[in-house]
Amino acid sequence: MTGYSEDKKTRIISNDLYFAEVQRMLDEGKEVRIRIKGGSMRPFIQDGDSVLLLAYSGGALLPGSNLLAKHQGKYVFHRYVGRKNGQIILAGDGNLVLKEYIDPKDIIAVASVHYPQQSVEEINLNYRWARLRGLAWYRIRLLRRIVAKLKRMV
């Protein structure tokens, strides 16, 4: 499916076509920069920011890495937070409950650089600090759920 935005300045294509092209370029050994859509990676990666992807070659994953993967037929860009029974566990930074369990073969790429749209700063996602702050944010999910519930009550 292809079409144009209301202002006719942007071409809109289906996720399947888009990610098929991303996969093709990654398979050719190219780095691919994609724009993130949605808020599941907040507060660290915002809707509209972009990331630079490198093809995943099946090696060891660094805890806290940001991955592009396929989960139940859909593409997700979430953080690697653990392993269980041979499966990779992914979670969006903005998600308070949801986790995805995927096979390692479903990992498409690993993000190496984050380009916030509101800044000229580039953030190296392979730095220990970038990965560990995301993991720490994941580990306090219960506390974040409690705070969110208290805010709704007030």
N, C-alpha and C. Protein backbone atom coordinates (compact mmCIF):
# COMPACT_ATOMS: atom_id res chain seq x y z
N MET A 1 0.83 -1.17 0.00
CA MET A 1 0.00 0.00 0.00
C MET A 1 0.88 1.24 0.00
N THR A 2 0.63 2.16 -0.91
CA THR A 2 1.32 3.43 -0.93
C THR A 2 0.29 4.54 -1.08
N GLY A 3 0.67 5.70 -0.66
CA GLY A 3 -0.20 6.86 -0.77
C GLY A 3 0.58 8.09 -0.38
N TYR A 4 -0.13 9.21 -0.20
CA TYR A 4 0.52 10.45 0.18
C TYR A 4 -0.18 11.04 1.39
N SER A 5 0.56 11.86 2.14
CA SER A 5 -0.01 12.54 3.29
C SER A 5 -1.00 13.59 2.80
N GLU A 6 -1.76 14.15 3.73
CA GLU A 6 -2.76 15.16 3.37
C GLU A 6 -2.14 16.36 2.68
N ASP A 7 -0.94 16.76 3.07
CA ASP A 7 -0.30 17.92 2.45
C ASP A 7 0.46 17.55 1.17
N LYS A 8 0.41 16.29 0.79
CA LYS A 8 1.02 15.77 -0.45
C LYS A 8 2.55 15.90 -0.47
N LYS A 9 3.16 16.15 0.70
CA LYS A 9 4.61 16.31 0.77
C LYS A 9 5.32 15.04 1.19
N THR A 10 4.59 14.10 1.74
CA THR A 10 5.17 12.88 2.27
C THR A 10 4.51 11.68 1.63
N ARG A 11 5.32 10.75 1.18
CA ARG A 11 4.78 9.51 0.63
C ARG A 11 4.63 8.51 1.77
N ILE A 12 3.52 7.83 1.81
CA ILE A 12 3.24 6.86 2.87
C ILE A 12 3.26 5.47 2.25
N ILE A 13 4.05 4.56 2.86
CA ILE A 13 4.10 3.18 2.39
C ILE A 13 3.80 2.25 3.57
N SER A 14 3.44 1.02 3.26
CA SER A 14 3.12 0.07 4.32
C SER A 14 4.38 -0.31 5.09
N ASN A 15 4.20 -0.74 6.33
CA ASN A 15 5.33 -1.21 7.14
C ASN A 15 6.06 -2.37 6.47
N ASP A 16 5.29 -3.28 5.84
CA ASP A 16 5.92 -4.43 5.20
C ASP A 16 6.87 -4.00 4.08
N LEU A 17 6.44 -3.06 3.24
CA LEU A 17 7.32 -2.57 2.18
C LEU A 17 8.52 -1.82 2.76
N TYR A 18 8.25 -0.98 3.75
CA TYR A 18 9.31 -0.19 4.36
C TYR A 18 10.39 -1.10 4.97
N PHE A 19 9.95 -2.06 5.78
CA PHE A 19 10.93 -2.90 6.47
C PHE A 19 11.57 -3.93 5.54
N ALA A 20 10.91 -4.27 4.45
CA ALA A 20 11.55 -5.13 3.44
C ALA A 20 12.75 -4.39 2.85
N GLU A 21 12.58 -3.09 2.61
CA GLU A 21 13.69 -2.29 2.07
C GLU A 21 14.79 -2.10 3.12
N VAL A 22 14.39 -1.86 4.37
CA VAL A 22 15.39 -1.77 5.45
C VAL A 22 16.18 -3.07 5.53
N GLN A 23 15.49 -4.21 5.48
CA GLN A 23 16.14 -5.52 5.55
C GLN A 23 17.10 -5.72 4.37
N ARG A 24 16.67 -5.32 3.17
CA ARG A 24 17.51 -5.46 1.98
C ARG A 24 18.81 -4.67 2.14
N MET A 25 18.72 -3.44 2.61
CA MET A 25 19.91 -2.61 2.79
C MET A 25 20.82 -3.18 3.88
N LEU A 26 20.22 -3.66 4.97
CA LEU A 26 21.03 -4.28 6.02
C LEU A 26 21.74 -5.52 5.50
N ASP A 27 21.04 -6.32 4.68
CA ASP A 27 21.63 -7.52 4.09
C ASP A 27 22.80 -7.18 3.18
N GLU A 28 22.79 -5.99 2.60
CA GLU A 28 23.89 -5.54 1.74
C GLU A 28 25.06 -4.99 2.56
N GLY A 29 24.91 -5.00 3.88
CA GLY A 29 25.98 -4.52 4.74
C GLY A 29 25.93 -3.03 5.02
N LYS A 30 24.86 -2.38 4.65
CA LYS A 30 24.72 -0.94 4.86
C LYS A 30 24.16 -0.65 6.25
N GLU A 31 24.50 0.53 6.75
CA GLU A 31 23.86 1.04 7.95
C GLU A 31 22.59 1.74 7.49
N VAL A 32 21.53 1.64 8.27
CA VAL A 32 20.24 2.21 7.89
C VAL A 32 19.73 3.09 9.02
N ARG A 33 19.36 4.30 8.66
CA ARG A 33 18.79 5.23 9.64
C ARG A 33 17.28 5.24 9.45
N ILE A 34 16.55 4.96 10.54
CA ILE A 34 15.09 4.95 10.47
C ILE A 34 14.52 5.92 11.50
N ARG A 35 13.33 6.39 11.22
CA ARG A 35 12.61 7.26 12.16
C ARG A 35 11.74 6.38 13.05
N ILE A 36 11.71 6.69 14.33
CA ILE A 36 10.92 5.95 15.30
C ILE A 36 9.51 6.53 15.34
N LYS A 37 8.54 5.64 15.31
CA LYS A 37 7.14 6.07 15.37
C LYS A 37 6.52 5.46 16.62
N GLY A 38 5.87 6.28 17.41
CA GLY A 38 5.22 5.81 18.62
C GLY A 38 5.97 6.22 19.86
N GLY A 39 5.36 5.98 21.00
CA GLY A 39 5.93 6.43 22.26
C GLY A 39 6.43 5.32 23.17
N SER A 40 6.57 4.11 22.65
CA SER A 40 6.93 2.99 23.53
C SER A 40 8.36 3.06 24.06
N MET A 41 9.21 3.92 23.49
CA MET A 41 10.58 4.01 23.97
C MET A 41 10.84 5.28 24.79
N ARG A 42 9.77 6.00 25.13
CA ARG A 42 9.93 7.17 26.00
C ARG A 42 10.36 6.73 27.38
N PRO A 43 11.13 7.43 28.10
CA PRO A 43 11.51 8.81 27.89
C PRO A 43 12.79 9.01 27.09
N PHE A 44 13.48 7.94 26.74
CA PHE A 44 14.80 8.08 26.14
C PHE A 44 14.76 8.33 24.63
N ILE A 45 13.86 7.69 23.93
CA ILE A 45 13.71 7.88 22.49
C ILE A 45 12.27 8.29 22.23
N GLN A 46 12.11 9.45 21.60
CA GLN A 46 10.79 10.03 21.39
C GLN A 46 10.25 9.72 19.99
N ASP A 47 8.94 9.81 19.84
CA ASP A 47 8.30 9.70 18.55
C ASP A 47 8.91 10.76 17.61
N GLY A 48 9.39 10.33 16.45
CA GLY A 48 10.01 11.24 15.50
C GLY A 48 11.52 11.26 15.54
N ASP A 49 12.13 10.78 16.62
CA ASP A 49 13.59 10.65 16.65
C ASP A 49 14.00 9.59 15.64
N SER A 50 15.28 9.53 15.33
CA SER A 50 15.74 8.47 14.44
C SER A 50 16.93 7.75 15.07
N VAL A 51 17.16 6.54 14.57
CA VAL A 51 18.26 5.71 15.06
C VAL A 51 19.00 5.10 13.86
N LEU A 52 20.26 4.83 14.06
CA LEU A 52 21.08 4.18 13.06
C LEU A 52 21.16 2.70 13.39
N LEU A 53 20.79 1.85 12.43
CA LEU A 53 20.75 0.41 12.63
C LEU A 53 21.90 -0.29 11.94
N LEU A 54 22.40 -1.33 12.59
CA LEU A 54 23.38 -2.24 12.01
C LEU A 54 22.77 -3.63 12.03
N ALA A 55 22.98 -4.39 10.97
CA ALA A 55 22.41 -5.73 10.89
C ALA A 55 22.90 -6.57 12.06
N TYR A 56 22.01 -7.37 12.61
CA TYR A 56 22.37 -8.29 13.68
C TYR A 56 22.91 -9.57 13.05
N SER A 57 24.10 -9.96 13.48
CA SER A 57 24.77 -11.11 12.87
C SER A 57 24.76 -12.35 13.76
N GLY A 58 23.99 -12.32 14.83
CA GLY A 58 23.87 -13.49 15.67
C GLY A 58 24.86 -13.55 16.82
N GLY A 59 25.63 -12.50 17.04
CA GLY A 59 26.59 -12.50 18.13
C GLY A 59 25.95 -12.22 19.47
N ALA A 60 26.79 -12.05 20.48
CA ALA A 60 26.32 -11.74 21.83
C ALA A 60 25.67 -10.36 21.84
N LEU A 61 24.61 -10.24 22.59
CA LEU A 61 23.92 -8.96 22.74
C LEU A 61 24.33 -8.31 24.05
N LEU A 62 24.56 -7.00 24.00
CA LEU A 62 24.85 -6.27 25.22
C LEU A 62 23.55 -5.98 25.95
N PRO A 63 23.48 -6.28 27.25
CA PRO A 63 22.24 -5.97 27.99
C PRO A 63 21.90 -4.49 27.85
N GLY A 64 20.63 -4.22 27.57
CA GLY A 64 20.18 -2.84 27.41
C GLY A 64 20.24 -2.34 25.98
N SER A 65 20.70 -3.18 25.05
CA SER A 65 20.75 -2.76 23.64
C SER A 65 19.36 -2.51 23.11
N ASN A 66 19.27 -1.61 22.14
CA ASN A 66 18.01 -1.32 21.46
C ASN A 66 17.97 -2.13 20.17
N LEU A 67 16.91 -2.92 19.99
CA LEU A 67 16.84 -3.85 18.87
C LEU A 67 15.62 -3.60 18.00
N LEU A 68 15.79 -3.82 16.71
CA LEU A 68 14.66 -3.92 15.79
C LEU A 68 14.43 -5.41 15.59
N ALA A 69 13.21 -5.86 15.82
CA ALA A 69 12.91 -7.28 15.73
C ALA A 69 11.50 -7.47 15.21
N LYS A 70 11.20 -8.70 14.88
CA LYS A 70 9.85 -9.05 14.45
C LYS A 70 9.21 -9.86 15.59
N HIS A 71 8.00 -9.45 15.98
CA HIS A 71 7.29 -10.12 17.05
C HIS A 71 5.85 -10.32 16.60
N GLN A 72 5.43 -11.56 16.50
CA GLN A 72 4.07 -11.91 16.08
C GLN A 72 3.67 -11.18 14.81
N GLY A 73 4.59 -11.17 13.84
CA GLY A 73 4.30 -10.59 12.53
C GLY A 73 4.43 -9.09 12.45
N LYS A 74 4.77 -8.43 13.55
CA LYS A 74 4.91 -6.96 13.55
C LYS A 74 6.34 -6.59 13.91
N TYR A 75 6.74 -5.42 13.44
CA TYR A 75 8.08 -4.92 13.75
C TYR A 75 8.03 -4.12 15.03
N VAL A 76 9.01 -4.37 15.91
CA VAL A 76 9.11 -3.63 17.17
C VAL A 76 10.54 -3.12 17.32
N PHE A 77 10.64 -1.96 17.92
CA PHE A 77 11.94 -1.41 18.28
C PHE A 77 11.91 -1.23 19.79
N HIS A 78 12.53 -2.16 20.51
CA HIS A 78 12.50 -2.16 21.97
C HIS A 78 13.86 -2.55 22.53
N ARG A 79 13.95 -2.48 23.84
CA ARG A 79 15.21 -2.74 24.55
C ARG A 79 15.34 -4.22 24.92
N TYR A 80 16.55 -4.75 24.78
CA TYR A 80 16.87 -6.11 25.20
C TYR A 80 17.05 -6.08 26.72
N VAL A 81 16.16 -6.79 27.43
CA VAL A 81 16.19 -6.73 28.90
C VAL A 81 16.50 -8.08 29.55
N GLY A 82 16.60 -9.14 28.77
CA GLY A 82 16.93 -10.42 29.38
C GLY A 82 16.71 -11.59 28.44
N ARG A 83 16.89 -12.77 29.02
CA ARG A 83 16.73 -14.03 28.30
C ARG A 83 16.01 -15.00 29.19
N LYS A 84 15.14 -15.84 28.58
CA LYS A 84 14.46 -16.87 29.35
C LYS A 84 14.16 -18.03 28.42
N ASN A 85 14.60 -19.21 28.82
CA ASN A 85 14.36 -20.43 28.05
C ASN A 85 14.78 -20.29 26.59
N GLY A 86 15.93 -19.67 26.37
CA GLY A 86 16.45 -19.51 25.01
C GLY A 86 15.83 -18.38 24.22
N GLN A 87 14.85 -17.69 24.81
CA GLN A 87 14.22 -16.57 24.10
C GLN A 87 14.77 -15.25 24.60
N ILE A 88 14.71 -14.26 23.73
CA ILE A 88 15.13 -12.91 24.04
C ILE A 88 13.91 -12.16 24.57
N ILE A 89 14.11 -11.40 25.65
CA ILE A 89 13.02 -10.60 26.21
C ILE A 89 13.26 -9.14 25.84
N LEU A 90 12.25 -8.54 25.22
CA LEU A 90 12.30 -7.13 24.84
C LEU A 90 11.21 -6.37 25.60
N ALA A 91 11.47 -5.09 25.87
CA ALA A 91 10.46 -4.24 26.50
C ALA A 91 10.69 -2.81 26.04
N GLY A 92 9.61 -2.11 25.76
CA GLY A 92 9.70 -0.70 25.46
C GLY A 92 9.92 0.08 26.75
N ASP A 93 10.74 1.12 26.69
CA ASP A 93 11.03 1.90 27.89
C ASP A 93 9.76 2.53 28.47
N GLY A 94 8.81 2.87 27.61
CA GLY A 94 7.58 3.51 28.07
C GLY A 94 6.51 2.53 28.52
N ASN A 95 6.74 1.25 28.32
CA ASN A 95 5.75 0.23 28.71
C ASN A 95 5.91 -0.12 30.18
N LEU A 96 4.80 -0.15 30.89
CA LEU A 96 4.85 -0.48 32.30
C LEU A 96 4.64 -1.96 32.57
N VAL A 97 4.11 -2.70 31.62
CA VAL A 97 3.82 -4.12 31.84
C VAL A 97 4.31 -5.00 30.69
N LEU A 98 4.01 -4.61 29.47
CA LEU A 98 4.23 -5.44 28.29
C LEU A 98 5.69 -5.83 28.07
N LYS A 99 5.90 -7.09 27.73
CA LYS A 99 7.21 -7.61 27.32
C LYS A 99 6.97 -8.49 26.10
N GLU A 100 7.95 -8.54 25.21
CA GLU A 100 7.88 -9.44 24.06
C GLU A 100 8.94 -10.52 24.23
N TYR A 101 8.57 -11.76 23.92
CA TYR A 101 9.50 -12.88 23.93
C TYR A 101 9.69 -13.29 22.48
N ILE A 102 10.94 -13.24 22.02
CA ILE A 102 11.22 -13.57 20.62
C ILE A 102 12.37 -14.56 20.53
N ASP A 103 12.45 -15.25 19.41
CA ASP A 103 13.60 -16.10 19.13
C ASP A 103 14.74 -15.22 18.64
N PRO A 104 15.99 -15.58 18.92
CA PRO A 104 17.11 -14.78 18.42
C PRO A 104 17.07 -14.58 16.90
N LYS A 105 16.52 -15.52 16.15
CA LYS A 105 16.46 -15.39 14.69
C LYS A 105 15.51 -14.27 14.26
N ASP A 106 14.67 -13.78 15.17
CA ASP A 106 13.74 -12.70 14.85
C ASP A 106 14.35 -11.31 15.03
N ILE A 107 15.59 -11.25 15.50
CA ILE A 107 16.27 -9.95 15.63
C ILE A 107 16.77 -9.55 14.25
N ILE A 108 16.44 -8.34 13.86
CA ILE A 108 16.83 -7.83 12.55
C ILE A 108 18.07 -6.95 12.65
N ALA A 109 18.08 -6.04 13.63
CA ALA A 109 19.19 -5.09 13.72
C ALA A 109 19.36 -4.58 15.15
N VAL A 110 20.54 -4.02 15.38
CA VAL A 110 20.87 -3.40 16.65
C VAL A 110 21.11 -1.92 16.37
N ALA A 111 20.53 -1.05 17.18
CA ALA A 111 20.72 0.39 17.02
C ALA A 111 22.06 0.80 17.62
N SER A 112 22.78 1.67 16.92
CA SER A 112 24.08 2.11 17.41
C SER A 112 24.10 3.59 17.78
N VAL A 113 23.27 4.40 17.12
CA VAL A 113 23.25 5.84 17.38
C VAL A 113 21.81 6.31 17.42
N HIS A 114 21.53 7.21 18.35
CA HIS A 114 20.21 7.84 18.49
C HIS A 114 20.36 9.31 18.10
N TYR A 115 19.47 9.78 17.23
CA TYR A 115 19.45 11.17 16.77
C TYR A 115 18.15 11.82 17.25
N PRO A 116 18.18 12.50 18.40
CA PRO A 116 16.95 13.17 18.86
C PRO A 116 16.55 14.27 17.87
N GLN A 117 15.27 14.38 17.58
CA GLN A 117 14.82 15.38 16.61
C GLN A 117 14.91 16.79 17.16
N GLN A 118 14.91 16.96 18.47
CA GLN A 118 14.96 18.29 19.08
C GLN A 118 16.38 18.73 19.42
N SER A 119 17.38 18.05 18.85
CA SER A 119 18.76 18.35 19.22
C SER A 119 19.70 17.95 18.08
N VAL A 120 20.87 18.58 18.05
CA VAL A 120 21.88 18.17 17.07
C VAL A 120 22.80 17.11 17.67
N GLU A 121 22.60 16.83 18.95
CA GLU A 121 23.40 15.84 19.66
C GLU A 121 23.13 14.43 19.12
N GLU A 122 24.19 13.66 18.98
CA GLU A 122 24.07 12.24 18.63
C GLU A 122 24.41 11.45 19.89
N ILE A 123 23.61 10.43 20.19
CA ILE A 123 23.84 9.63 21.38
C ILE A 123 24.29 8.24 20.97
N ASN A 124 25.48 7.85 21.40
CA ASN A 124 25.99 6.52 21.11
C ASN A 124 25.27 5.53 22.02
N LEU A 125 24.45 4.68 21.43
CA LEU A 125 23.65 3.73 22.22
C LEU A 125 24.46 2.55 22.72
N ASN A 126 25.70 2.42 22.28
CA ASN A 126 26.54 1.34 22.76
C ASN A 126 27.32 1.71 24.02
N TYR A 127 27.30 3.00 24.38
CA TYR A 127 27.95 3.39 25.63
C TYR A 127 27.25 2.71 26.79
N ARG A 128 28.03 2.34 27.76
CA ARG A 128 27.48 1.65 28.93
C ARG A 128 26.37 2.46 29.59
N TRP A 129 26.57 3.78 29.73
CA TRP A 129 25.58 4.61 30.40
C TRP A 129 24.23 4.56 29.68
N ALA A 130 24.23 4.66 28.36
CA ALA A 130 22.97 4.64 27.59
C ALA A 130 22.23 3.32 27.79
N ARG A 131 22.96 2.23 27.85
CA ARG A 131 22.32 0.92 28.03
C ARG A 131 21.87 0.72 29.47
N LEU A 132 22.71 1.08 30.43
CA LEU A 132 22.39 0.83 31.83
C LEU A 132 21.26 1.70 32.35
N ARG A 133 21.16 2.94 31.88
CA ARG A 133 20.04 3.78 32.33
C ARG A 133 18.72 3.19 31.84
N GLY A 134 18.71 2.64 30.62
CA GLY A 134 17.52 1.99 30.10
C GLY A 134 17.15 0.75 30.90
N LEU A 135 18.16 -0.04 31.26
CA LEU A 135 17.90 -1.23 32.08
C LEU A 135 17.41 -0.84 33.47
N ALA A 136 17.99 0.20 34.04
CA ALA A 136 17.55 0.65 35.36
C ALA A 136 16.09 1.12 35.29
N TRP A 137 15.74 1.83 34.22
CA TRP A 137 14.37 2.29 34.02
C TRP A 137 13.42 1.10 33.92
N TYR A 138 13.87 0.05 33.24
CA TYR A 138 13.07 -1.18 33.13
C TYR A 138 12.90 -1.84 34.50
N ARG A 139 13.95 -1.90 35.28
CA ARG A 139 13.92 -2.60 36.57
C ARG A 139 13.01 -1.92 37.60
N ILE A 140 12.73 -0.63 37.42
CA ILE A 140 11.85 0.05 38.37
C ILE A 140 10.42 0.15 37.83
N ARG A 141 10.03 -0.74 36.94
CA ARG A 141 8.68 -0.72 36.36
C ARG A 141 7.59 -0.79 37.43
N LEU A 142 7.76 -1.63 38.43
CA LEU A 142 6.75 -1.75 39.48
C LEU A 142 6.55 -0.40 40.17
N LEU A 143 7.63 0.24 40.54
CA LEU A 143 7.55 1.56 41.18
C LEU A 143 6.88 2.56 40.23
N ARG A 144 7.21 2.51 38.94
CA ARG A 144 6.60 3.42 37.96
C ARG A 144 5.10 3.17 37.83
N ARG A 145 4.69 1.89 37.92
CA ARG A 145 3.25 1.56 37.87
C ARG A 145 2.52 2.15 39.08
N ILE A 146 3.14 2.01 40.25
CA ILE A 146 2.54 2.53 41.48
C ILE A 146 2.40 4.05 41.40
N VAL A 147 3.44 4.72 40.94
CA VAL A 147 3.39 6.18 40.81
C VAL A 147 2.31 6.58 39.81
N ALA A 148 2.23 5.88 38.70
CA ALA A 148 1.20 6.19 37.69
C ALA A 148 -0.21 6.01 38.26
N LYS A 149 -0.40 4.96 39.04
CA LYS A 149 -1.71 4.72 39.65
C LYS A 149 -2.05 5.81 40.67
N LEU A 150 -1.07 6.20 41.47
CA LEU A 150 -1.29 7.27 42.45
C LEU A 150 -1.63 8.59 41.76
N LYS A 151 -0.99 8.87 40.65
CA LYS A 151 -1.28 10.10 39.91
C LYS A 151 -2.71 10.11 39.40
N ARG A 152 -3.20 8.95 38.96
CA ARG A 152 -4.58 8.86 38.47
C ARG A 152 -5.59 9.04 39.60
N MET A 153 -5.20 8.66 40.83
CA MET A 153 -6.10 8.76 41.97
C MET A 153 -6.21 10.19 42.46
N VAL A 154 -5.20 10.98 42.25
CA VAL A 154 -5.17 12.35 42.78
C VAL A 154 -5.95 13.29 41.91
